[in-house]
Amino acid sequence: MNNVRSSIGVVCLGLAVTLAACGSKGGAASGSAGTDGTGASGGSTASGGSTGTAGNTGAAGNTGAAGNGAGGTAGSPPDAAPTEGGNALPPGMTPVQVYGQLKVVGTQLQDQSGHPVQLKGVSSHWLNYESKTFPESKPAIQYARDNWKLSVIRAAMGVDVAGGYLGTGTGTNAAQATMLSKVNTIIQNAIDLGIYVIVDWHTSDAVTATTTQATAASAFFTSIATQYGASPNVIYEPYNEPNKVTWAQIKPYHEAVVAAIRAVDPDNLIILGTPTYSQDVDLAAADPLTDATNLLYTLHFYACTHKQPLRDKANKAISLGLPLFITEFGITPADGGVVKSGDNDVCEGEGNTWFAWMAQNNISGASWKLDQCTDSSCILTADAPVDGPWTDKFLTTDAGGTPVDGGEKGGGHGLFVVDWMRE
């Protein structure tokens, strides 16, 4: 969303057993053992690493390194497929251990073994506006991984706003160090926990009629890629929601930032924003980037506002060969369901239609927003503890709301979204 309401060392951790090695995208160093199912740098499954001394079948001791650490490709057998629905994992295995290095083939997101993958997760609030540090809490995100089946988290770093990475005007109110600290924490926690993480340059104004943030964004993503590009966990999102600019104006920005990332990281996913708040995916499909691989294009929806006409645009884009990733959505109106605007609605019927369409087309998604507030897009209730556990009683719900056309008024979409992740 485009307003306030919307939108390095690695520890080798074990699978409740001691592991002798950890995996990464490259290298053959062994790592130290730990406690929660991820790992540090070490040998990849391709290069072998040291044979694990203990572990579950497929997790250690049989196909090379176990764990994923600095993004390791996992110690699971290379031909192991996720279970039914692409969202249930083998016991004790993390998403990155099972899926490893993601890739784009045609319009499909696939895992390291060529099986389709649908990631499901949540987006932070604007990190410069969040009420509490929910997305930065490692134990809470671990709970979400284990109990919500969360496989991806999005770090929505405010850019050209007060307290954002660049600040307002000529750098007024910039908080670059604070933003970097928050982003680094979320990335490192995701790596430690074996989930994927989207690093989001969260702005609508990376390109305007007269300006571009290509230089600043390229420098930022070069730094992120240099620090974390060896990890398959990391996904780059260089432009949240372009607005009031054409695809012809947006495309050169993407080309510049993609080139900067690919100079350091040749293969991790990059998700590209599309015109009109990342809805005109059909326009991008008519003229996609052609000089890089593993690119996807952003589609955003808010179910009370965006219905079949937006799915029609998306279907057209898919028919033209464009791979999509929904980096932000809500089961709410487009403003996030703001109480003072009188539209704090939750439209579960239309939400289910969107979820069915996403499943049919194997499209991943991250829900707005992991925060507590009165907006119906807030996932957590006012009494949710920062460090969890986020049991269902701490999820906003539409139960008891006032019926309105297409949904309910007065609740929140938290439990509805979490139930979708658990499917």
Protein backbone atom coordinates (compact mmCIF):
# COMPACT_ATOMS: atom_id res chain seq x y z
CA MET A 1 0.00 0.00 0.00
CA ASN A 2 1.08 3.56 -0.57
CA ASN A 3 -0.10 5.25 2.58
CA VAL A 4 0.74 4.75 6.24
CA ARG A 5 -2.18 2.35 6.69
CA SER A 6 -1.41 -0.01 3.77
CA SER A 7 1.29 -1.08 2.63
CA ILE A 8 26.71 -11.30 9.50
CA GLY A 9 27.43 -14.28 10.47
CA VAL A 10 25.01 -17.16 10.34
CA VAL A 11 24.46 -19.74 13.06
CA CYS A 12 24.03 -23.35 11.98
CA LEU A 13 20.85 -24.64 13.59
CA GLY A 14 19.79 -28.27 13.79
CA LEU A 15 16.56 -30.25 13.47
CA ALA A 16 16.31 -31.20 17.15
CA VAL A 17 19.45 -33.24 16.53
CA THR A 18 23.12 -32.40 16.07
CA LEU A 19 24.14 -31.89 12.46
CA ALA A 20 27.65 -31.95 11.16
CA ALA A 21 27.32 -29.60 8.22
CA CYS A 22 25.22 -26.81 6.82
CA GLY A 23 24.36 -25.92 3.23
CA SER A 24 24.73 -22.81 1.14
CA LYS A 25 24.54 -21.92 -2.53
CA GLY A 26 28.25 -22.66 -2.82
CA GLY A 27 31.30 -23.67 -0.87
CA ALA A 28 32.11 -26.75 1.14
CA ALA A 29 32.84 -25.52 4.62
CA SER A 30 31.18 -27.29 7.50
CA GLY A 31 29.23 -25.40 10.18
CA SER A 32 28.32 -25.79 13.81
CA ALA A 33 25.12 -27.40 15.04
CA GLY A 34 22.18 -25.60 16.62
CA THR A 35 18.53 -25.89 17.55
CA ASP A 36 15.78 -24.89 15.15
CA GLY A 37 16.21 -26.37 11.71
CA THR A 38 18.49 -24.12 9.71
CA GLY A 39 22.20 -23.73 9.19
CA ALA A 40 25.28 -21.69 8.46
CA SER A 41 27.46 -21.61 5.40
CA GLY A 42 28.79 -24.87 4.11
CA GLY A 43 28.55 -27.42 1.32
CA SER A 44 25.52 -27.39 -0.93
CA THR A 45 23.71 -30.56 -1.96
CA ALA A 46 25.35 -30.21 -5.34
CA SER A 47 28.89 -30.03 -3.98
CA GLY A 48 28.29 -32.44 -1.16
CA GLY A 49 29.74 -30.93 1.98
CA SER A 50 30.47 -33.25 4.82
CA THR A 51 28.13 -36.14 5.47
CA GLY A 52 25.83 -35.44 8.41
CA THR A 53 26.41 -37.51 11.47
CA ALA A 54 22.80 -37.60 12.54
CA GLY A 55 19.40 -36.43 11.41
CA ASN A 56 16.05 -37.27 9.91
CA THR A 57 15.80 -38.97 6.57
CA GLY A 58 16.55 -36.41 3.93
CA ALA A 59 17.64 -33.79 6.47
CA ALA A 60 21.14 -34.96 7.25
CA GLY A 61 23.52 -37.81 6.77
CA ASN A 62 22.45 -38.92 3.31
CA THR A 63 22.69 -36.33 0.58
CA GLY A 64 25.38 -33.98 1.78
CA ALA A 65 24.81 -30.88 3.85
CA ALA A 66 21.85 -30.43 6.12
CA GLY A 67 20.27 -27.11 6.96
CA ASN A 68 20.31 -24.05 4.85
CA GLY A 69 22.12 -21.42 6.83
CA ALA A 70 23.27 -18.57 4.70
CA GLY A 71 20.47 -19.64 2.44
CA GLY A 72 21.60 -23.22 1.95
CA THR A 73 20.01 -25.30 -0.70
CA ALA A 74 19.04 -27.91 1.88
CA GLY A 75 20.05 -31.38 2.84
CA SER A 76 16.89 -33.02 1.50
CA PRO A 77 17.11 -35.40 -1.42
CA PRO A 78 17.26 -33.44 -4.66
CA ASP A 79 14.17 -35.20 -6.01
CA ALA A 80 12.05 -34.73 -2.89
CA ALA A 81 8.76 -33.08 -3.76
CA PRO A 82 6.63 -31.09 -1.32
CA THR A 83 3.51 -32.84 -0.18
CA GLU A 84 -0.03 -32.21 -1.37
CA GLY A 85 -0.84 -28.57 -2.05
CA GLY A 86 2.81 -27.53 -2.08
CA ASN A 87 2.51 -26.12 1.45
CA ALA A 88 2.85 -29.08 3.83
CA LEU A 89 6.48 -29.93 4.53
CA PRO A 90 8.10 -33.13 5.77
CA PRO A 91 8.30 -33.13 9.59
CA GLY A 92 11.20 -31.12 10.93
CA MET A 93 12.07 -29.56 7.56
CA THR A 94 12.00 -25.83 6.82
CA PRO A 95 10.73 -24.35 3.54
CA VAL A 96 14.23 -23.52 2.31
CA GLN A 97 15.52 -26.97 3.20
CA VAL A 98 12.80 -28.51 1.06
CA TYR A 99 12.54 -26.02 -1.81
CA GLY A 100 16.10 -24.66 -1.92
CA GLN A 101 17.05 -22.39 -4.80
CA LEU A 102 13.85 -21.13 -6.43
CA LYS A 103 13.60 -20.53 -10.16
CA VAL A 104 11.12 -19.27 -12.73
CA VAL A 105 10.19 -21.61 -15.57
CA GLY A 106 7.63 -20.13 -17.96
CA THR A 107 4.94 -18.67 -15.73
CA GLN A 108 5.68 -21.04 -12.86
CA LEU A 109 7.71 -20.68 -9.69
CA GLN A 110 9.60 -23.93 -9.10
CA ASP A 111 11.88 -25.39 -6.46
CA GLN A 112 15.42 -26.65 -6.94
CA SER A 113 14.10 -29.97 -8.25
CA GLY A 114 11.62 -28.52 -10.73
CA HIS A 115 8.47 -28.96 -8.64
CA PRO A 116 5.89 -26.11 -8.50
CA VAL A 117 6.00 -23.98 -5.36
CA GLN A 118 3.40 -21.64 -3.89
CA LEU A 119 4.88 -19.53 -1.09
CA LYS A 120 2.47 -18.13 1.49
CA GLY A 121 3.24 -15.50 4.07
CA VAL A 122 2.87 -11.95 5.32
CA SER A 123 4.25 -8.49 4.73
CA SER A 124 5.44 -6.17 7.44
CA HIS A 125 3.84 -2.78 7.80
CA TRP A 126 5.98 0.08 6.47
CA LEU A 127 9.00 -0.53 8.70
CA ASN A 128 9.24 3.19 9.45
CA TYR A 129 5.61 3.23 10.65
CA GLU A 130 5.20 -0.14 12.39
CA SER A 131 3.64 0.05 15.85
CA LYS A 132 5.96 -2.60 17.32
CA THR A 133 8.79 -4.75 16.02
CA PHE A 134 6.62 -7.78 15.20
CA PRO A 135 8.39 -8.72 11.92
CA GLU A 136 11.80 -8.44 13.61
CA SER A 137 10.93 -10.98 16.33
CA LYS A 138 12.71 -14.26 15.64
CA PRO A 139 10.72 -16.40 18.14
CA ALA A 140 7.42 -15.03 16.86
CA ILE A 141 8.31 -15.66 13.21
CA GLN A 142 9.47 -19.14 14.17
CA TYR A 143 6.03 -19.72 15.72
CA ALA A 144 4.40 -18.48 12.50
CA ARG A 145 6.61 -20.82 10.47
CA ASP A 146 5.72 -23.82 12.62
CA ASN A 147 2.04 -23.07 13.34
CA TRP A 148 0.85 -20.91 10.43
CA LYS A 149 2.98 -22.72 7.80
CA LEU A 150 4.44 -19.33 6.88
CA SER A 151 7.12 -19.75 4.21
CA VAL A 152 7.85 -16.13 3.24
CA ILE A 153 8.02 -12.75 4.98
CA ARG A 154 8.23 -9.38 3.27
CA ALA A 155 10.27 -6.52 4.72
CA ALA A 156 8.48 -3.38 3.47
CA MET A 157 11.17 -0.72 3.88
CA GLY A 158 9.74 2.78 3.61
CA VAL A 159 11.88 4.84 1.23
CA ASP A 160 10.91 8.45 0.49
CA VAL A 161 8.84 9.16 3.61
CA ALA A 162 9.52 10.48 7.10
CA GLY A 163 11.71 7.97 8.87
CA GLY A 164 12.34 6.11 5.62
CA TYR A 165 15.57 5.07 3.96
CA LEU A 166 15.86 8.25 1.84
CA GLY A 167 13.60 10.50 3.89
CA THR A 168 11.53 13.32 2.44
CA GLY A 169 12.59 16.16 0.22
CA THR A 170 16.38 16.36 0.11
CA GLY A 171 16.88 13.75 2.81
CA THR A 172 14.86 15.41 5.54
CA ASN A 173 13.76 12.87 8.19
CA ALA A 174 15.89 10.11 6.64
CA ALA A 175 16.64 7.16 8.91
CA GLN A 176 18.91 5.02 6.76
CA ALA A 177 20.69 3.28 9.63
CA THR A 178 17.41 2.40 11.35
CA MET A 179 15.88 1.04 8.14
CA LEU A 180 18.98 -1.02 7.37
CA SER A 181 19.01 -2.43 10.90
CA LYS A 182 15.38 -3.54 10.62
CA VAL A 183 15.85 -5.05 7.17
CA ASN A 184 19.04 -6.85 8.20
CA THR A 185 17.32 -8.30 11.26
CA ILE A 186 14.39 -9.62 9.24
CA ILE A 187 16.69 -11.10 6.58
CA GLN A 188 19.01 -12.78 9.08
CA ASN A 189 16.09 -14.21 11.05
CA ALA A 190 14.57 -15.58 7.84
CA ILE A 191 17.88 -17.23 6.95
CA ASP A 192 18.23 -18.71 10.44
CA LEU A 193 14.64 -20.00 10.34
CA GLY A 194 14.79 -21.39 6.81
CA ILE A 195 12.08 -19.23 5.25
CA TYR A 196 12.16 -16.88 2.27
CA VAL A 197 12.33 -13.10 2.65
CA ILE A 198 11.28 -10.38 0.21
CA VAL A 199 13.30 -7.17 0.50
CA ASP A 200 10.89 -4.46 -0.64
CA TRP A 201 11.86 -0.92 -1.79
CA HIS A 202 8.49 0.30 -0.55
CA THR A 203 7.50 3.37 -2.53
CA SER A 204 5.24 4.58 -5.33
CA ASP A 205 7.74 7.17 -6.50
CA ALA A 206 10.88 5.33 -7.52
CA VAL A 207 10.06 6.78 -10.93
CA THR A 208 8.17 10.01 -11.57
CA ALA A 209 7.76 12.16 -14.66
CA THR A 210 11.01 13.97 -13.80
CA THR A 211 12.97 11.80 -11.31
CA THR A 212 14.25 8.29 -10.75
CA GLN A 213 15.65 6.49 -7.71
CA ALA A 214 17.55 4.01 -9.88
CA THR A 215 20.97 5.02 -8.53
CA ALA A 216 19.96 4.85 -4.85
CA ALA A 217 17.99 1.63 -5.30
CA SER A 218 20.81 -0.01 -7.25
CA ALA A 219 23.29 0.85 -4.51
CA PHE A 220 20.95 -0.49 -1.82
CA PHE A 221 20.23 -3.78 -3.59
CA THR A 222 23.89 -4.22 -4.51
CA SER A 223 24.67 -4.05 -0.81
CA ILE A 224 21.91 -6.52 0.08
CA ALA A 225 23.00 -8.89 -2.68
CA THR A 226 26.63 -8.67 -1.56
CA GLN A 227 25.71 -9.52 2.03
CA TYR A 228 23.02 -12.11 1.42
CA GLY A 229 23.02 -13.11 -2.24
CA ALA A 230 24.68 -16.43 -1.46
CA SER A 231 21.49 -17.40 0.36
CA PRO A 232 18.56 -18.72 -1.68
CA ASN A 233 16.25 -17.27 0.99
CA VAL A 234 16.52 -13.71 -0.36
CA ILE A 235 14.07 -12.29 -2.90
CA TYR A 236 14.40 -8.71 -4.23
CA GLU A 237 11.45 -6.36 -4.85
CA PRO A 238 12.85 -3.09 -6.28
CA TYR A 239 9.57 -1.15 -6.67
CA ASN A 240 6.46 -1.69 -4.55
CA GLU A 241 3.64 0.10 -6.37
CA PRO A 242 4.43 2.35 -9.34
CA ASN A 243 1.81 5.04 -9.91
CA LYS A 244 1.16 7.82 -12.42
CA VAL A 245 3.91 6.56 -14.71
CA THR A 246 3.80 4.29 -17.72
CA TRP A 247 5.46 0.91 -18.14
CA ALA A 248 7.76 2.55 -20.70
CA GLN A 249 8.97 4.86 -17.89
CA ILE A 250 9.17 2.09 -15.28
CA LYS A 251 11.01 -0.48 -17.40
CA PRO A 252 14.40 1.36 -17.61
CA TYR A 253 14.42 1.68 -13.81
CA HIS A 254 13.87 -2.06 -13.47
CA GLU A 255 16.55 -2.79 -16.04
CA ALA A 256 19.09 -0.70 -14.11
CA VAL A 257 18.32 -2.24 -10.72
CA VAL A 258 18.13 -5.79 -12.10
CA ALA A 259 21.53 -5.31 -13.76
CA ALA A 260 23.01 -4.12 -10.45
CA ILE A 261 21.62 -7.14 -8.57
CA ARG A 262 22.66 -9.62 -11.25
CA ALA A 263 26.21 -8.28 -11.20
CA VAL A 264 26.43 -9.77 -7.69
CA ASP A 265 23.67 -12.38 -7.45
CA PRO A 266 23.02 -14.30 -10.68
CA ASP A 267 20.00 -16.34 -9.70
CA ASN A 268 17.83 -15.26 -6.75
CA LEU A 269 14.30 -14.14 -7.58
CA ILE A 270 13.54 -10.51 -8.46
CA ILE A 271 9.92 -9.30 -8.43
CA LEU A 272 9.14 -6.22 -10.53
CA GLY A 273 6.45 -3.65 -9.77
CA THR A 274 3.88 -2.85 -12.47
CA PRO A 275 1.84 0.28 -13.32
CA THR A 276 -1.13 1.62 -11.32
CA TYR A 277 -0.19 0.29 -7.91
CA SER A 278 1.03 -3.02 -9.37
CA GLN A 279 -2.20 -3.92 -11.13
CA ASP A 280 -1.50 -3.37 -14.85
CA VAL A 281 0.39 -6.61 -15.28
CA ASP A 282 -1.03 -6.95 -18.79
CA LEU A 283 0.94 -3.88 -19.86
CA ALA A 284 4.17 -5.35 -18.52
CA ALA A 285 3.37 -8.63 -20.27
CA ALA A 286 3.31 -6.86 -23.62
CA ASP A 287 6.92 -5.68 -23.14
CA PRO A 288 8.73 -7.67 -20.41
CA LEU A 289 12.40 -7.48 -19.49
CA THR A 290 14.45 -9.86 -21.61
CA ASP A 291 18.03 -9.56 -20.35
CA ALA A 292 17.75 -11.50 -17.06
CA THR A 293 16.28 -14.73 -15.70
CA ASN A 294 14.26 -15.61 -12.59
CA LEU A 295 12.12 -12.48 -12.85
CA LEU A 296 8.50 -12.26 -11.71
CA TYR A 297 6.05 -9.35 -11.86
CA THR A 298 4.04 -7.88 -9.03
CA LEU A 299 0.27 -8.08 -8.76
CA HIS A 300 -1.47 -6.50 -5.76
CA PHE A 301 -5.13 -6.94 -4.83
CA TYR A 302 -7.50 -5.88 -2.06
CA ALA A 303 -10.52 -8.14 -2.25
CA CYS A 304 -13.30 -5.65 -1.41
CA THR A 305 -12.09 -3.33 -4.22
CA HIS A 306 -10.37 -5.54 -6.80
CA LYS A 307 -12.45 -8.31 -8.28
CA GLN A 308 -12.89 -10.17 -11.57
CA PRO A 309 -11.70 -7.30 -13.81
CA LEU A 310 -8.28 -7.42 -12.12
CA ARG A 311 -8.16 -11.21 -12.40
CA ASP A 312 -8.96 -10.78 -16.10
CA LYS A 313 -5.90 -8.52 -16.45
CA ALA A 314 -3.82 -11.10 -14.64
CA ASN A 315 -5.15 -13.93 -16.80
CA LYS A 316 -4.20 -11.97 -19.91
CA ALA A 317 -0.69 -11.43 -18.54
CA ILE A 318 -0.31 -15.14 -17.75
CA SER A 319 -1.53 -16.06 -21.25
CA LEU A 320 1.27 -13.86 -22.62
CA GLY A 321 3.80 -15.75 -20.50
CA LEU A 322 4.25 -13.36 -17.57
CA PRO A 323 5.05 -15.01 -14.20
CA LEU A 324 3.30 -13.29 -11.28
CA PHE A 325 3.89 -12.97 -7.53
CA ILE A 326 1.39 -11.22 -5.23
CA THR A 327 3.75 -9.47 -2.84
CA GLU A 328 0.88 -7.66 -1.12
CA PHE A 329 -2.84 -8.34 -0.72
CA GLY A 330 -5.69 -7.79 1.69
CA ILE A 331 -9.17 -9.22 2.18
CA THR A 332 -10.19 -5.59 2.69
CA PRO A 333 -10.77 -2.37 0.74
CA ALA A 334 -7.78 -0.91 -1.11
CA ASP A 335 -6.93 1.54 1.70
CA GLY A 336 -6.44 -1.37 4.09
CA GLY A 337 -9.83 -1.07 5.76
CA VAL A 338 -9.60 2.16 7.72
CA VAL A 339 -12.10 2.70 10.55
CA LYS A 340 -12.20 6.48 10.25
CA SER A 341 -13.01 6.09 6.57
CA GLY A 342 -15.90 3.83 7.49
CA ASP A 343 -14.69 0.95 5.34
CA ASN A 344 -13.06 -1.42 7.81
CA ASP A 345 -14.57 -4.34 5.92
CA VAL A 346 -13.47 -7.93 5.37
CA CYS A 347 -14.71 -9.54 2.14
CA GLU A 348 -14.18 -13.23 2.71
CA GLY A 349 -16.25 -14.42 -0.25
CA GLU A 350 -14.18 -12.47 -2.76
CA GLY A 351 -11.06 -13.42 -0.80
CA ASN A 352 -11.84 -17.10 -1.31
CA THR A 353 -12.27 -16.46 -5.03
CA TRP A 354 -8.82 -14.87 -5.12
CA PHE A 355 -7.28 -17.74 -3.14
CA ALA A 356 -8.80 -20.31 -5.49
CA TRP A 357 -7.43 -18.37 -8.48
CA MET A 358 -3.98 -18.18 -6.89
CA ALA A 359 -3.97 -21.93 -6.25
CA GLN A 360 -5.15 -22.69 -9.78
CA ASN A 361 -2.32 -20.61 -11.24
CA ASN A 362 0.28 -21.54 -8.60
CA ILE A 363 0.80 -17.90 -7.59
CA SER A 364 2.47 -17.04 -4.29
CA GLY A 365 1.36 -14.29 -1.95
CA ALA A 366 2.12 -12.20 1.13
CA SER A 367 -0.68 -10.57 3.11
CA TRP A 368 -0.67 -6.98 4.30
CA LYS A 369 0.15 -6.43 7.24
CA LEU A 370 1.89 -7.93 10.26
CA ASP A 371 0.95 -5.26 12.75
CA GLN A 372 -1.75 -4.32 15.27
CA CYS A 373 -4.17 -1.48 14.60
CA THR A 374 -7.85 -0.81 13.99
CA ASP A 375 -7.58 -1.26 10.21
CA SER A 376 -9.17 -4.49 9.02
CA SER A 377 -5.92 -5.35 7.23
CA CYS A 378 -4.01 -5.67 10.51
CA ILE A 379 -3.31 -9.32 11.25
CA LEU A 380 -2.62 -9.03 15.00
CA THR A 381 -4.89 -7.85 17.80
CA ALA A 382 -4.07 -5.01 20.18
CA ASP A 383 -2.87 -7.42 22.90
CA ALA A 384 -0.66 -9.59 20.68
CA PRO A 385 2.77 -10.07 22.33
CA VAL A 386 5.73 -8.87 20.28
CA ASP A 387 7.60 -12.16 20.63
CA GLY A 388 4.57 -14.42 20.35
CA PRO A 389 3.38 -17.05 20.47
CA TRP A 390 0.71 -15.73 18.08
CA THR A 391 -2.00 -18.22 18.85
CA ASP A 392 -5.38 -17.74 17.20
CA LYS A 393 -6.66 -15.57 20.05
CA PHE A 394 -4.15 -12.92 18.96
CA LEU A 395 -5.38 -12.85 15.35
CA THR A 396 -7.95 -10.33 14.18
CA THR A 397 -11.17 -11.94 13.07
CA ASP A 398 -14.36 -11.07 11.26
CA ALA A 399 -16.49 -12.99 13.75
CA GLY A 400 -19.32 -10.88 15.11
CA GLY A 401 -18.91 -8.12 12.56
CA THR A 402 -21.84 -6.28 11.04
CA PRO A 403 -22.91 -7.77 7.69
CA VAL A 404 -22.38 -5.46 4.73
CA ASP A 405 -22.52 -5.96 0.99
CA GLY A 406 -19.82 -8.50 0.19
CA GLY A 407 -18.51 -9.06 3.69
CA GLU A 408 -18.44 -7.92 7.31
CA LYS A 409 -17.62 -4.61 8.96
CA GLY A 410 -15.74 -4.19 12.21
CA GLY A 411 -13.31 -7.06 12.24
CA GLY A 412 -9.98 -7.93 10.70
CA HIS A 413 -8.66 -10.46 8.20
CA GLY A 414 -5.93 -12.01 10.39
CA LEU A 415 -7.43 -15.43 11.11
CA PHE A 416 -8.80 -15.69 7.57
CA VAL A 417 -5.36 -15.09 6.10
CA VAL A 418 -3.63 -17.46 8.53
CA ASP A 419 -6.16 -20.19 7.73
CA TRP A 420 -5.25 -19.74 4.03
CA MET A 421 -1.58 -20.25 4.89
CA ARG A 422 -2.45 -23.42 6.80
CA GLU A 423 -4.32 -25.01 3.88
